[in-house]
Amino acid sequence: MNCTICKTRKARRFCLGVNSEICSICCGTEREQSIDCPLECEYLREAHRHESVPEFDPATAPNGDIRVTEEFLEANQALVILLSSALASGALGAKAVTDFDIREALESLIRAYRALQSGLYYEGLPANPYAAAIHEAVQERVADLRKRETEATGSATTIRDSTVLTVLVFLQRLEFSNNNGRKRSRAFLDFISRFNVPLAPDDDVTDLEPDAPRVIL
């Protein structure tokens, strides 16, 4: 049987993206380009583990004025994981979501939290429905975490807007460094999907730490 895509080479593997047999060369060249590859594809995940990602220069990243430190990440490790999980949860709700949709959601979230730093309220959702769903999933997670903490401690939440903003900027830089540049890249989504663990009603979130000093990472 010949490859469904090129019609010439012998098919070597079943492609979940086209629901048919394809050759290994078309799998490699068309993966996340013309083929909409689902994350459950073993060949896609293997490729993500070994592919060369375009080099990312942190100096060119947006929001360079916000510094992230190892100390900050260590102090806020739980929040990083929980917001990564919220990103993944929002993204996995639609099979067509790509890393670029997540990037757009992160941009809109960062704009919203920057506005809060200026004493303004901004809740403009992206026009892209995939990015909008991810944006809302993260906002719902933040609201849920604050509610849980307040109910558990009986005092005001310690999860500051500035802390959330810095975590979002860190996740934005992770997306830039993990995105493989393919039109339908899901390399970053593949990475954060490992953190997609839903919170149980009785999970304790009161150990989230406040802001730490910001020194460039």
N, C-alpha and C. Protein backbone atom coordinates (compact mmCIF):
# COMPACT_ATOMS: atom_id res chain seq x y z
N MET A 1 0.83 -1.20 0.00
CA MET A 1 0.00 0.00 0.00
C MET A 1 0.87 1.25 0.00
N ASN A 2 0.57 2.18 -0.91
CA ASN A 2 1.34 3.41 -0.98
C ASN A 2 0.81 4.47 -0.01
N CYS A 3 1.69 5.43 0.28
CA CYS A 3 1.36 6.54 1.18
C CYS A 3 0.17 7.33 0.67
N THR A 4 -0.75 7.65 1.55
CA THR A 4 -1.94 8.42 1.19
C THR A 4 -1.60 9.83 0.71
N ILE A 5 -0.48 10.36 1.20
CA ILE A 5 -0.13 11.75 0.88
C ILE A 5 0.65 11.87 -0.42
N CYS A 6 1.81 11.19 -0.51
CA CYS A 6 2.65 11.33 -1.71
C CYS A 6 2.23 10.39 -2.85
N LYS A 7 1.53 9.32 -2.51
CA LYS A 7 1.03 8.35 -3.49
C LYS A 7 2.12 7.51 -4.14
N THR A 8 3.37 7.70 -3.74
CA THR A 8 4.47 6.99 -4.40
C THR A 8 5.24 6.06 -3.47
N ARG A 9 5.61 6.56 -2.29
CA ARG A 9 6.38 5.74 -1.37
C ARG A 9 5.47 4.77 -0.61
N LYS A 10 6.10 3.71 -0.16
CA LYS A 10 5.34 2.70 0.57
C LYS A 10 4.95 3.22 1.95
N ALA A 11 3.70 2.99 2.31
CA ALA A 11 3.22 3.42 3.63
C ALA A 11 3.90 2.62 4.73
N ARG A 12 4.29 3.30 5.82
CA ARG A 12 5.01 2.65 6.91
C ARG A 12 4.30 2.76 8.26
N ARG A 13 3.38 3.70 8.38
CA ARG A 13 2.73 3.91 9.67
C ARG A 13 1.32 4.48 9.48
N PHE A 14 0.48 4.23 10.48
CA PHE A 14 -0.88 4.77 10.43
C PHE A 14 -0.89 6.17 11.01
N CYS A 15 -1.44 7.12 10.26
CA CYS A 15 -1.48 8.52 10.69
C CYS A 15 -2.87 8.84 11.23
N LEU A 16 -2.92 9.24 12.50
CA LEU A 16 -4.19 9.62 13.11
C LEU A 16 -4.73 10.93 12.54
N GLY A 17 -3.83 11.76 12.01
CA GLY A 17 -4.24 13.05 11.48
C GLY A 17 -5.01 12.94 10.17
N VAL A 18 -4.65 11.97 9.33
CA VAL A 18 -5.35 11.78 8.05
C VAL A 18 -6.16 10.50 8.04
N ASN A 19 -6.06 9.76 9.16
CA ASN A 19 -6.81 8.51 9.32
C ASN A 19 -6.51 7.51 8.21
N SER A 20 -5.22 7.41 7.90
CA SER A 20 -4.81 6.48 6.85
C SER A 20 -3.31 6.20 6.99
N GLU A 21 -2.81 5.29 6.15
CA GLU A 21 -1.40 4.92 6.17
C GLU A 21 -0.57 5.93 5.38
N ILE A 22 0.58 6.32 5.94
CA ILE A 22 1.48 7.23 5.24
C ILE A 22 2.92 6.73 5.36
N CYS A 23 3.81 7.34 4.58
CA CYS A 23 5.23 6.97 4.68
C CYS A 23 5.90 7.80 5.75
N SER A 24 7.07 7.37 6.18
CA SER A 24 7.78 8.06 7.26
C SER A 24 8.26 9.43 6.82
N ILE A 25 8.57 9.60 5.52
CA ILE A 25 9.05 10.90 5.03
C ILE A 25 7.93 11.93 5.08
N CYS A 26 6.74 11.56 4.61
CA CYS A 26 5.61 12.50 4.67
C CYS A 26 5.23 12.79 6.12
N CYS A 27 5.38 11.80 6.99
CA CYS A 27 5.12 12.01 8.40
C CYS A 27 6.04 13.09 8.95
N GLY A 28 7.31 13.02 8.56
CA GLY A 28 8.28 13.99 9.06
C GLY A 28 8.14 15.37 8.48
N THR A 29 7.83 15.46 7.17
CA THR A 29 7.77 16.76 6.52
C THR A 29 6.42 17.46 6.68
N GLU A 30 5.35 16.68 6.76
CA GLU A 30 4.01 17.27 6.83
C GLU A 30 3.45 17.35 8.25
N ARG A 31 4.15 16.76 9.19
CA ARG A 31 3.73 16.78 10.59
C ARG A 31 3.55 18.21 11.08
N GLU A 32 2.37 18.52 11.62
CA GLU A 32 2.02 19.84 12.15
C GLU A 32 2.17 20.95 11.11
N GLN A 33 2.19 20.56 9.83
CA GLN A 33 2.16 21.53 8.74
C GLN A 33 0.84 21.36 8.00
N SER A 34 0.78 20.39 7.08
CA SER A 34 -0.49 20.11 6.40
C SER A 34 -1.33 19.11 7.18
N ILE A 35 -0.66 18.35 8.07
CA ILE A 35 -1.37 17.36 8.88
C ILE A 35 -1.69 17.95 10.25
N ASP A 36 -2.94 17.85 10.65
CA ASP A 36 -3.38 18.31 11.96
C ASP A 36 -3.18 17.16 12.94
N CYS A 37 -2.01 17.10 13.55
CA CYS A 37 -1.61 15.93 14.35
C CYS A 37 -2.19 15.98 15.76
N PRO A 38 -2.91 14.95 16.16
CA PRO A 38 -3.42 14.90 17.54
C PRO A 38 -2.32 14.52 18.52
N LEU A 39 -2.41 15.00 19.74
CA LEU A 39 -1.37 14.73 20.72
C LEU A 39 -1.24 13.26 21.08
N GLU A 40 -2.29 12.48 20.85
CA GLU A 40 -2.20 11.06 21.20
C GLU A 40 -1.36 10.27 20.21
N CYS A 41 -0.89 10.91 19.14
CA CYS A 41 -0.05 10.22 18.16
C CYS A 41 1.33 9.94 18.75
N GLU A 42 1.71 8.68 18.79
CA GLU A 42 3.01 8.31 19.38
C GLU A 42 4.17 8.88 18.59
N TYR A 43 4.01 9.00 17.27
CA TYR A 43 5.09 9.53 16.43
C TYR A 43 5.28 11.03 16.68
N LEU A 44 4.18 11.73 16.90
CA LEU A 44 4.27 13.16 17.20
C LEU A 44 5.00 13.39 18.52
N ARG A 45 4.62 12.66 19.54
CA ARG A 45 5.25 12.85 20.85
C ARG A 45 6.73 12.46 20.82
N GLU A 46 7.05 11.43 20.05
CA GLU A 46 8.45 11.04 19.92
C GLU A 46 9.22 12.15 19.20
N ALA A 47 8.61 12.73 18.18
CA ALA A 47 9.26 13.83 17.45
C ALA A 47 9.48 15.02 18.36
N HIS A 48 8.50 15.35 19.19
CA HIS A 48 8.64 16.47 20.12
C HIS A 48 9.81 16.27 21.07
N ARG A 49 10.06 15.03 21.43
CA ARG A 49 11.15 14.76 22.38
C ARG A 49 12.52 14.94 21.74
N HIS A 50 12.60 14.78 20.42
CA HIS A 50 13.91 14.75 19.77
C HIS A 50 14.14 15.84 18.73
N GLU A 51 13.10 16.60 18.36
CA GLU A 51 13.28 17.58 17.29
C GLU A 51 14.09 18.78 17.75
N SER A 52 14.70 19.45 16.78
CA SER A 52 15.46 20.67 17.06
C SER A 52 14.51 21.85 16.97
N VAL A 53 14.33 22.53 18.08
CA VAL A 53 13.45 23.69 18.13
C VAL A 53 14.25 24.94 17.76
N PRO A 54 13.69 25.86 16.95
CA PRO A 54 14.40 27.09 16.62
C PRO A 54 14.91 27.79 17.87
N GLU A 55 16.14 28.25 17.81
CA GLU A 55 16.75 28.88 18.99
C GLU A 55 15.98 30.13 19.39
N PHE A 56 15.72 30.24 20.66
CA PHE A 56 14.97 31.38 21.18
C PHE A 56 15.88 32.26 22.01
N ASP A 57 15.92 33.54 21.68
CA ASP A 57 16.72 34.51 22.42
C ASP A 57 15.81 35.23 23.41
N PRO A 58 15.97 34.98 24.72
CA PRO A 58 15.11 35.63 25.71
C PRO A 58 15.12 37.15 25.62
N ALA A 59 16.21 37.71 25.10
CA ALA A 59 16.32 39.17 25.01
C ALA A 59 15.31 39.74 24.01
N THR A 60 14.82 38.91 23.10
CA THR A 60 13.87 39.38 22.10
C THR A 60 12.42 39.14 22.52
N ALA A 61 12.24 38.52 23.67
CA ALA A 61 10.89 38.18 24.12
C ALA A 61 10.11 39.43 24.51
N PRO A 62 8.79 39.41 24.31
CA PRO A 62 7.98 40.54 24.78
C PRO A 62 7.97 40.59 26.30
N ASN A 63 7.59 41.71 26.85
CA ASN A 63 7.50 41.91 28.30
C ASN A 63 8.86 41.73 28.99
N GLY A 64 9.89 42.19 28.31
CA GLY A 64 11.23 42.05 28.85
C GLY A 64 11.47 42.83 30.12
N ASP A 65 10.59 43.77 30.43
CA ASP A 65 10.75 44.55 31.65
C ASP A 65 10.36 43.76 32.89
N ILE A 66 9.68 42.62 32.69
CA ILE A 66 9.28 41.79 33.83
C ILE A 66 10.32 40.70 34.02
N ARG A 67 10.97 40.73 35.15
CA ARG A 67 12.06 39.79 35.42
C ARG A 67 11.56 38.59 36.22
N VAL A 68 12.06 37.45 35.83
CA VAL A 68 11.69 36.21 36.51
C VAL A 68 12.96 35.59 37.09
N THR A 69 12.92 35.23 38.34
CA THR A 69 14.10 34.68 39.00
C THR A 69 13.88 33.22 39.36
N GLU A 70 14.97 32.55 39.58
CA GLU A 70 14.89 31.17 40.07
C GLU A 70 14.22 31.16 41.44
N GLU A 71 14.51 32.19 42.24
CA GLU A 71 13.90 32.28 43.56
C GLU A 71 12.39 32.44 43.45
N PHE A 72 11.96 33.27 42.49
CA PHE A 72 10.52 33.47 42.29
C PHE A 72 9.86 32.16 41.88
N LEU A 73 10.47 31.45 40.94
CA LEU A 73 9.87 30.20 40.45
C LEU A 73 9.82 29.15 41.55
N GLU A 74 10.85 29.11 42.37
CA GLU A 74 10.86 28.15 43.48
C GLU A 74 9.76 28.49 44.49
N ALA A 75 9.62 29.77 44.80
CA ALA A 75 8.62 30.20 45.78
C ALA A 75 7.19 30.02 45.27
N ASN A 76 7.03 30.08 43.94
CA ASN A 76 5.69 30.02 43.35
C ASN A 76 5.50 28.80 42.46
N GLN A 77 6.22 27.74 42.79
CA GLN A 77 6.18 26.53 41.97
C GLN A 77 4.76 25.98 41.82
N ALA A 78 4.01 25.96 42.91
CA ALA A 78 2.64 25.43 42.85
C ALA A 78 1.78 26.26 41.90
N LEU A 79 1.91 27.58 41.94
CA LEU A 79 1.11 28.44 41.08
C LEU A 79 1.51 28.24 39.62
N VAL A 80 2.79 28.08 39.34
CA VAL A 80 3.25 27.81 37.97
C VAL A 80 2.60 26.54 37.43
N ILE A 81 2.60 25.50 38.24
CA ILE A 81 2.03 24.22 37.82
C ILE A 81 0.52 24.34 37.62
N LEU A 82 -0.16 25.02 38.55
CA LEU A 82 -1.61 25.14 38.46
C LEU A 82 -2.05 25.99 37.28
N LEU A 83 -1.31 27.04 36.95
CA LEU A 83 -1.67 27.85 35.79
C LEU A 83 -1.28 27.16 34.49
N SER A 84 -0.20 26.37 34.51
CA SER A 84 0.14 25.54 33.35
C SER A 84 -0.97 24.55 33.09
N SER A 85 -1.49 23.96 34.16
CA SER A 85 -2.59 23.01 34.05
C SER A 85 -3.83 23.68 33.48
N ALA A 86 -4.10 24.91 33.91
CA ALA A 86 -5.26 25.64 33.39
C ALA A 86 -5.10 25.94 31.91
N LEU A 87 -3.89 26.31 31.49
CA LEU A 87 -3.62 26.52 30.07
C LEU A 87 -3.91 25.26 29.27
N ALA A 88 -3.38 24.14 29.76
CA ALA A 88 -3.57 22.87 29.07
C ALA A 88 -5.04 22.48 29.03
N SER A 89 -5.73 22.66 30.14
CA SER A 89 -7.14 22.31 30.21
C SER A 89 -7.95 23.11 29.21
N GLY A 90 -7.69 24.41 29.12
CA GLY A 90 -8.40 25.25 28.17
C GLY A 90 -8.07 24.89 26.73
N ALA A 91 -6.81 24.52 26.48
CA ALA A 91 -6.38 24.20 25.12
C ALA A 91 -6.88 22.83 24.66
N LEU A 92 -6.92 21.88 25.57
CA LEU A 92 -7.32 20.53 25.19
C LEU A 92 -8.82 20.40 24.98
N GLY A 93 -9.55 21.48 25.23
CA GLY A 93 -10.99 21.44 25.01
C GLY A 93 -11.36 21.40 23.54
N ALA A 94 -10.42 21.72 22.65
CA ALA A 94 -10.67 21.69 21.21
C ALA A 94 -9.47 21.05 20.52
N LYS A 95 -9.71 20.10 19.66
CA LYS A 95 -8.61 19.35 19.03
C LYS A 95 -7.77 20.21 18.08
N ALA A 96 -8.35 21.30 17.57
CA ALA A 96 -7.63 22.11 16.59
C ALA A 96 -6.70 23.14 17.21
N VAL A 97 -6.67 23.26 18.53
CA VAL A 97 -5.85 24.27 19.19
C VAL A 97 -4.36 24.02 18.94
N THR A 98 -3.63 25.08 18.66
CA THR A 98 -2.19 24.99 18.45
C THR A 98 -1.46 25.86 19.47
N ASP A 99 -0.14 25.78 19.45
CA ASP A 99 0.67 26.61 20.34
C ASP A 99 0.43 28.10 20.09
N PHE A 100 0.12 28.45 18.85
CA PHE A 100 -0.09 29.86 18.51
C PHE A 100 -1.39 30.39 19.13
N ASP A 101 -2.37 29.52 19.31
CA ASP A 101 -3.59 29.93 20.02
C ASP A 101 -3.27 30.18 21.50
N ILE A 102 -2.42 29.32 22.07
CA ILE A 102 -2.01 29.51 23.47
C ILE A 102 -1.20 30.80 23.60
N ARG A 103 -0.36 31.06 22.62
CA ARG A 103 0.43 32.30 22.63
C ARG A 103 -0.48 33.52 22.65
N GLU A 104 -1.52 33.48 21.82
CA GLU A 104 -2.47 34.60 21.76
C GLU A 104 -3.21 34.76 23.09
N ALA A 105 -3.57 33.65 23.72
CA ALA A 105 -4.25 33.71 25.01
C ALA A 105 -3.34 34.31 26.07
N LEU A 106 -2.08 33.90 26.08
CA LEU A 106 -1.12 34.43 27.05
C LEU A 106 -0.93 35.94 26.85
N GLU A 107 -0.89 36.38 25.60
CA GLU A 107 -0.76 37.81 25.32
C GLU A 107 -1.93 38.59 25.91
N SER A 108 -3.15 38.07 25.74
CA SER A 108 -4.32 38.79 26.24
C SER A 108 -4.37 38.76 27.77
N LEU A 109 -3.95 37.65 28.37
CA LEU A 109 -3.92 37.56 29.82
C LEU A 109 -2.90 38.53 30.41
N ILE A 110 -1.76 38.61 29.77
CA ILE A 110 -0.72 39.53 30.26
C ILE A 110 -1.19 40.97 30.14
N ARG A 111 -1.88 41.31 29.05
CA ARG A 111 -2.44 42.66 28.93
C ARG A 111 -3.42 42.95 30.06
N ALA A 112 -4.24 41.95 30.38
CA ALA A 112 -5.23 42.14 31.45
C ALA A 112 -4.56 42.39 32.80
N TYR A 113 -3.51 41.62 33.11
CA TYR A 113 -2.85 41.78 34.41
C TYR A 113 -1.95 43.00 34.44
N ARG A 114 -1.44 43.42 33.30
CA ARG A 114 -0.71 44.69 33.26
C ARG A 114 -1.66 45.85 33.56
N ALA A 115 -2.86 45.76 33.01
CA ALA A 115 -3.85 46.81 33.26
C ALA A 115 -4.17 46.90 34.75
N LEU A 116 -4.30 45.74 35.39
CA LEU A 116 -4.59 45.72 36.83
C LEU A 116 -3.47 46.39 37.62
N GLN A 117 -2.23 46.25 37.15
CA GLN A 117 -1.11 46.89 37.83
C GLN A 117 -1.22 48.41 37.77
N SER A 118 -1.95 48.89 36.76
CA SER A 118 -2.15 50.34 36.61
C SER A 118 -3.45 50.80 37.24
N GLY A 119 -4.12 49.89 37.95
CA GLY A 119 -5.37 50.24 38.60
C GLY A 119 -6.57 50.20 37.68
N LEU A 120 -6.41 49.57 36.52
CA LEU A 120 -7.50 49.48 35.55
C LEU A 120 -8.04 48.06 35.49
N TYR A 121 -9.25 47.92 35.01
CA TYR A 121 -9.82 46.59 34.81
C TYR A 121 -9.97 46.36 33.32
N TYR A 122 -9.36 45.29 32.82
CA TYR A 122 -9.40 45.00 31.39
C TYR A 122 -9.74 43.54 31.22
N GLU A 123 -10.82 43.24 30.49
CA GLU A 123 -11.22 41.86 30.29
C GLU A 123 -11.57 41.62 28.84
N GLY A 124 -10.79 42.23 27.95
CA GLY A 124 -11.02 42.02 26.52
C GLY A 124 -10.55 40.64 26.11
N LEU A 125 -11.46 39.83 25.57
CA LEU A 125 -11.12 38.48 25.13
C LEU A 125 -10.62 38.52 23.69
N PRO A 126 -9.72 37.61 23.32
CA PRO A 126 -9.27 37.53 21.93
C PRO A 126 -10.44 37.19 21.01
N ALA A 127 -10.39 37.66 19.77
CA ALA A 127 -11.42 37.31 18.80
C ALA A 127 -11.33 35.83 18.44
N ASN A 128 -10.13 35.29 18.51
CA ASN A 128 -9.90 33.86 18.26
C ASN A 128 -10.62 33.05 19.35
N PRO A 129 -11.61 32.24 19.00
CA PRO A 129 -12.37 31.52 20.03
C PRO A 129 -11.53 30.52 20.82
N TYR A 130 -10.50 29.94 20.21
CA TYR A 130 -9.64 29.01 20.93
C TYR A 130 -8.84 29.75 22.00
N ALA A 131 -8.26 30.89 21.61
CA ALA A 131 -7.50 31.70 22.56
C ALA A 131 -8.41 32.23 23.66
N ALA A 132 -9.63 32.61 23.31
CA ALA A 132 -10.57 33.13 24.30
C ALA A 132 -10.92 32.07 25.34
N ALA A 133 -11.10 30.82 24.90
CA ALA A 133 -11.42 29.73 25.83
C ALA A 133 -10.27 29.48 26.78
N ILE A 134 -9.04 29.56 26.28
CA ILE A 134 -7.86 29.35 27.13
C ILE A 134 -7.75 30.50 28.13
N HIS A 135 -7.94 31.73 27.65
CA HIS A 135 -7.92 32.91 28.53
C HIS A 135 -8.90 32.73 29.69
N GLU A 136 -10.12 32.33 29.37
CA GLU A 136 -11.13 32.18 30.41
C GLU A 136 -10.80 31.05 31.37
N ALA A 137 -10.21 29.97 30.86
CA ALA A 137 -9.84 28.84 31.72
C ALA A 137 -8.81 29.27 32.76
N VAL A 138 -7.86 30.09 32.36
CA VAL A 138 -6.83 30.56 33.30
C VAL A 138 -7.45 31.52 34.32
N GLN A 139 -8.30 32.42 33.87
CA GLN A 139 -8.94 33.36 34.79
C GLN A 139 -9.82 32.62 35.80
N GLU A 140 -10.51 31.60 35.35
CA GLU A 140 -11.33 30.80 36.26
C GLU A 140 -10.46 30.07 37.29
N ARG A 141 -9.29 29.59 36.85
CA ARG A 141 -8.40 28.91 37.78
C ARG A 141 -7.89 29.88 38.84
N VAL A 142 -7.50 31.08 38.44
CA VAL A 142 -7.01 32.07 39.40
C VAL A 142 -8.11 32.40 40.41
N ALA A 143 -9.32 32.63 39.91
CA ALA A 143 -10.44 32.95 40.81
C ALA A 143 -10.72 31.80 41.77
N ASP A 144 -10.65 30.57 41.28
CA ASP A 144 -10.89 29.40 42.12
C ASP A 144 -9.83 29.26 43.20
N LEU A 145 -8.57 29.48 42.83
CA LEU A 145 -7.48 29.39 43.80
C LEU A 145 -7.63 30.42 44.90
N ARG A 146 -7.98 31.64 44.51
CA ARG A 146 -8.16 32.70 45.52
C ARG A 146 -9.33 32.38 46.44
N LYS A 147 -10.41 31.86 45.89
CA LYS A 147 -11.58 31.51 46.70
C LYS A 147 -11.23 30.40 47.68
N ARG A 148 -10.52 29.38 47.22
CA ARG A 148 -10.14 28.26 48.08
C ARG A 148 -9.26 28.74 49.23
N GLU A 149 -8.29 29.59 48.90
CA GLU A 149 -7.37 30.07 49.92
C GLU A 149 -8.10 30.91 50.96
N THR A 150 -8.98 31.79 50.50
CA THR A 150 -9.73 32.65 51.42
C THR A 150 -10.63 31.83 52.34
N GLU A 151 -11.29 30.83 51.78
CA GLU A 151 -12.18 29.98 52.58
C GLU A 151 -11.39 29.15 53.58
N ALA A 152 -10.19 28.73 53.21
CA ALA A 152 -9.38 27.89 54.09
C ALA A 152 -8.74 28.68 55.22
N THR A 153 -8.35 29.93 54.94
CA THR A 153 -7.62 30.71 55.93
C THR A 153 -8.48 31.75 56.64
N GLY A 154 -9.60 32.11 56.02
CA GLY A 154 -10.45 33.14 56.61
C GLY A 154 -9.87 34.53 56.48
N SER A 155 -8.86 34.69 55.63
CA SER A 155 -8.25 36.00 55.42
C SER A 155 -8.11 36.26 53.93
N ALA A 156 -7.63 37.45 53.60
CA ALA A 156 -7.50 37.83 52.20
C ALA A 156 -6.48 36.95 51.48
N THR A 157 -6.68 36.76 50.20
CA THR A 157 -5.77 35.92 49.42
C THR A 157 -4.38 36.52 49.36
N THR A 158 -3.38 35.66 49.28
CA THR A 158 -1.99 36.10 49.12
C THR A 158 -1.54 36.01 47.67
N ILE A 159 -2.44 35.59 46.79
CA ILE A 159 -2.09 35.45 45.37
C ILE A 159 -2.26 36.82 44.71
N ARG A 160 -1.19 37.53 44.59
CA ARG A 160 -1.23 38.89 44.07
C ARG A 160 -1.34 38.91 42.55
N ASP A 161 -1.90 39.99 42.03
CA ASP A 161 -1.95 40.16 40.58
C ASP A 161 -0.54 40.19 39.99
N SER A 162 0.39 40.81 40.70
CA SER A 162 1.77 40.90 40.22
C SER A 162 2.41 39.52 40.12
N THR A 163 2.05 38.62 41.05
CA THR A 163 2.57 37.26 41.01
C THR A 163 2.02 36.51 39.81
N VAL A 164 0.72 36.62 39.60
CA VAL A 164 0.08 35.97 38.45
C VAL A 164 0.70 36.49 37.15
N LEU A 165 0.90 37.80 37.06
CA LEU A 165 1.49 38.40 35.87
C LEU A 165 2.87 37.81 35.58
N THR A 166 3.69 37.71 36.60
CA THR A 166 5.04 37.18 36.40
C THR A 166 5.01 35.72 35.98
N VAL A 167 4.12 34.94 36.56
CA VAL A 167 3.98 33.54 36.15
C VAL A 167 3.55 33.45 34.69
N LEU A 168 2.62 34.30 34.28
CA LEU A 168 2.16 34.30 32.89
C LEU A 168 3.28 34.68 31.93
N VAL A 169 4.11 35.63 32.31
CA VAL A 169 5.24 36.01 31.47
C VAL A 169 6.23 34.85 31.37
N PHE A 170 6.45 34.14 32.47
CA PHE A 170 7.32 32.97 32.45
C PHE A 170 6.76 31.91 31.49
N LEU A 171 5.45 31.67 31.55
CA LEU A 171 4.82 30.69 30.66
C LEU A 171 4.89 31.15 29.21
N GLN A 172 4.78 32.46 28.99
CA GLN A 172 4.91 32.98 27.64
C GLN A 172 6.30 32.69 27.08
N ARG A 173 7.32 32.86 27.90
CA ARG A 173 8.69 32.59 27.45
C ARG A 173 8.90 31.09 27.22
N LEU A 174 8.24 30.26 28.03
CA LEU A 174 8.30 28.82 27.79
C LEU A 174 7.67 28.47 26.46
N GLU A 175 6.56 29.13 26.12
CA GLU A 175 5.90 28.85 24.84
C GLU A 175 6.83 29.21 23.69
N PHE A 176 7.46 30.37 23.75
CA PHE A 176 8.38 30.78 22.70
C PHE A 176 9.54 29.79 22.56
N SER A 177 10.03 29.28 23.67
CA SER A 177 11.20 28.39 23.62
C SER A 177 10.84 26.95 23.26
N ASN A 178 9.56 26.58 23.36
CA ASN A 178 9.14 25.21 23.04
C ASN A 178 8.40 25.10 21.70
N ASN A 179 7.86 26.20 21.20
CA ASN A 179 7.16 26.18 19.92
C ASN A 179 8.15 25.79 18.82
N ASN A 180 7.82 24.76 18.04
CA ASN A 180 8.77 24.28 17.03
C ASN A 180 8.70 25.04 15.71
N GLY A 181 7.83 26.05 15.63
CA GLY A 181 7.77 26.88 14.44
C GLY A 181 6.90 26.33 13.33
N ARG A 182 6.41 25.11 13.48
CA ARG A 182 5.52 24.55 12.45
C ARG A 182 4.15 25.22 12.56
N LYS A 183 3.46 25.30 11.43
CA LYS A 183 2.20 26.03 11.37
C LYS A 183 1.19 25.56 12.41
N ARG A 184 1.18 24.27 12.69
CA ARG A 184 0.23 23.70 13.65
C ARG A 184 0.95 23.11 14.86
N SER A 185 2.01 23.77 15.26
CA SER A 185 2.82 23.28 16.38
C SER A 185 1.97 23.01 17.63
N ARG A 186 2.22 21.85 18.23
CA ARG A 186 1.63 21.53 19.53
C ARG A 186 2.71 21.05 20.51
N ALA A 187 3.94 21.46 20.24
CA ALA A 187 5.04 21.03 21.10
C ALA A 187 4.90 21.59 22.51
N PHE A 188 4.54 22.87 22.61
CA PHE A 188 4.35 23.47 23.94
C PHE A 188 3.14 22.86 24.63
N LEU A 189 2.06 22.66 23.88
CA LEU A 189 0.87 22.04 24.46
C LEU A 189 1.20 20.63 24.95
N ASP A 190 2.00 19.91 24.20
CA ASP A 190 2.43 18.58 24.61
C ASP A 190 3.17 18.66 25.95
N PHE A 191 4.01 19.68 26.09
CA PHE A 191 4.79 19.86 27.32
C PHE A 191 3.89 20.16 28.51
N ILE A 192 2.99 21.15 28.36
CA ILE A 192 2.18 21.55 29.53
C ILE A 192 1.05 20.57 29.82
N SER A 193 0.71 19.71 28.86
CA SER A 193 -0.35 18.74 29.11
C SER A 193 0.02 17.76 30.22
N ARG A 194 1.31 17.67 30.51
CA ARG A 194 1.76 16.82 31.61
C ARG A 194 1.32 17.38 32.96
N PHE A 195 0.98 18.68 32.99
CA PHE A 195 0.54 19.31 34.23
C PHE A 195 -0.98 19.39 34.31
N ASN A 196 -1.67 18.78 33.35
CA ASN A 196 -3.12 18.91 33.30
C ASN A 196 -3.80 17.97 34.29
N VAL A 197 -3.67 18.31 35.57
CA VAL A 197 -4.28 17.53 36.64
C VAL A 197 -5.35 18.38 37.30
N PRO A 198 -6.62 18.01 37.18
CA PRO A 198 -7.68 18.83 37.77
C PRO A 198 -7.60 18.88 39.29
N LEU A 199 -7.99 20.01 39.86
CA LEU A 199 -8.00 20.16 41.31
C LEU A 199 -9.21 19.47 41.91
N ALA A 200 -8.98 18.68 42.94
CA ALA A 200 -10.09 18.08 43.68
C ALA A 200 -10.66 19.12 44.63
N PRO A 201 -11.93 19.00 45.00
CA PRO A 201 -12.56 20.00 45.88
C PRO A 201 -11.82 20.20 47.20
N ASP A 202 -11.18 19.16 47.71
CA ASP A 202 -10.51 19.27 49.01
C ASP A 202 -9.01 19.47 48.91
N ASP A 203 -8.48 19.75 47.70
CA ASP A 203 -7.05 20.00 47.56
C ASP A 203 -6.67 21.29 48.28
N ASP A 204 -5.53 21.25 48.98
CA ASP A 204 -5.07 22.42 49.74
C ASP A 204 -4.21 23.31 48.86
N VAL A 205 -4.59 24.57 48.73
CA VAL A 205 -3.79 25.51 47.95
C VAL A 205 -3.23 26.63 48.83
N THR A 206 -3.28 26.46 50.12
CA THR A 206 -2.86 27.53 51.03
C THR A 206 -1.35 27.64 51.17
N ASP A 207 -0.60 26.72 50.53
CA ASP A 207 0.85 26.81 50.63
C ASP A 207 1.45 27.65 49.51
N LEU A 208 0.61 28.32 48.69
CA LEU A 208 1.13 29.18 47.65
C LEU A 208 1.86 30.36 48.30
N GLU A 209 3.06 30.62 47.81
CA GLU A 209 3.89 31.66 48.42
C GLU A 209 3.68 33.01 47.75
N PRO A 210 3.92 34.11 48.47
CA PRO A 210 3.80 35.44 47.87
C PRO A 210 4.98 35.72 46.95
N ASP A 211 4.96 36.94 46.38
CA ASP A 211 6.01 37.36 45.46
C ASP A 211 7.40 37.23 46.07
N ALA A 212 8.38 36.97 45.18
CA ALA A 212 9.78 36.97 45.59
C ALA A 212 10.48 38.08 44.82
N PRO A 213 11.69 38.48 45.25
CA PRO A 213 12.41 39.53 44.54
C PRO A 213 12.63 39.16 43.08
N ARG A 214 12.56 40.15 42.19
CA ARG A 214 12.69 39.88 40.77
C ARG A 214 14.11 40.20 40.30
N VAL A 215 14.85 39.16 39.96
CA VAL A 215 16.18 39.31 39.38
C VAL A 215 16.15 38.55 38.07
N ILE A 216 16.80 39.06 37.04
CA ILE A 216 16.70 38.47 35.71
C ILE A 216 17.13 37.01 35.73
N LEU A 217 16.37 36.17 35.03
CA LEU A 217 16.68 34.74 34.95
C LEU A 217 17.43 34.49 33.67
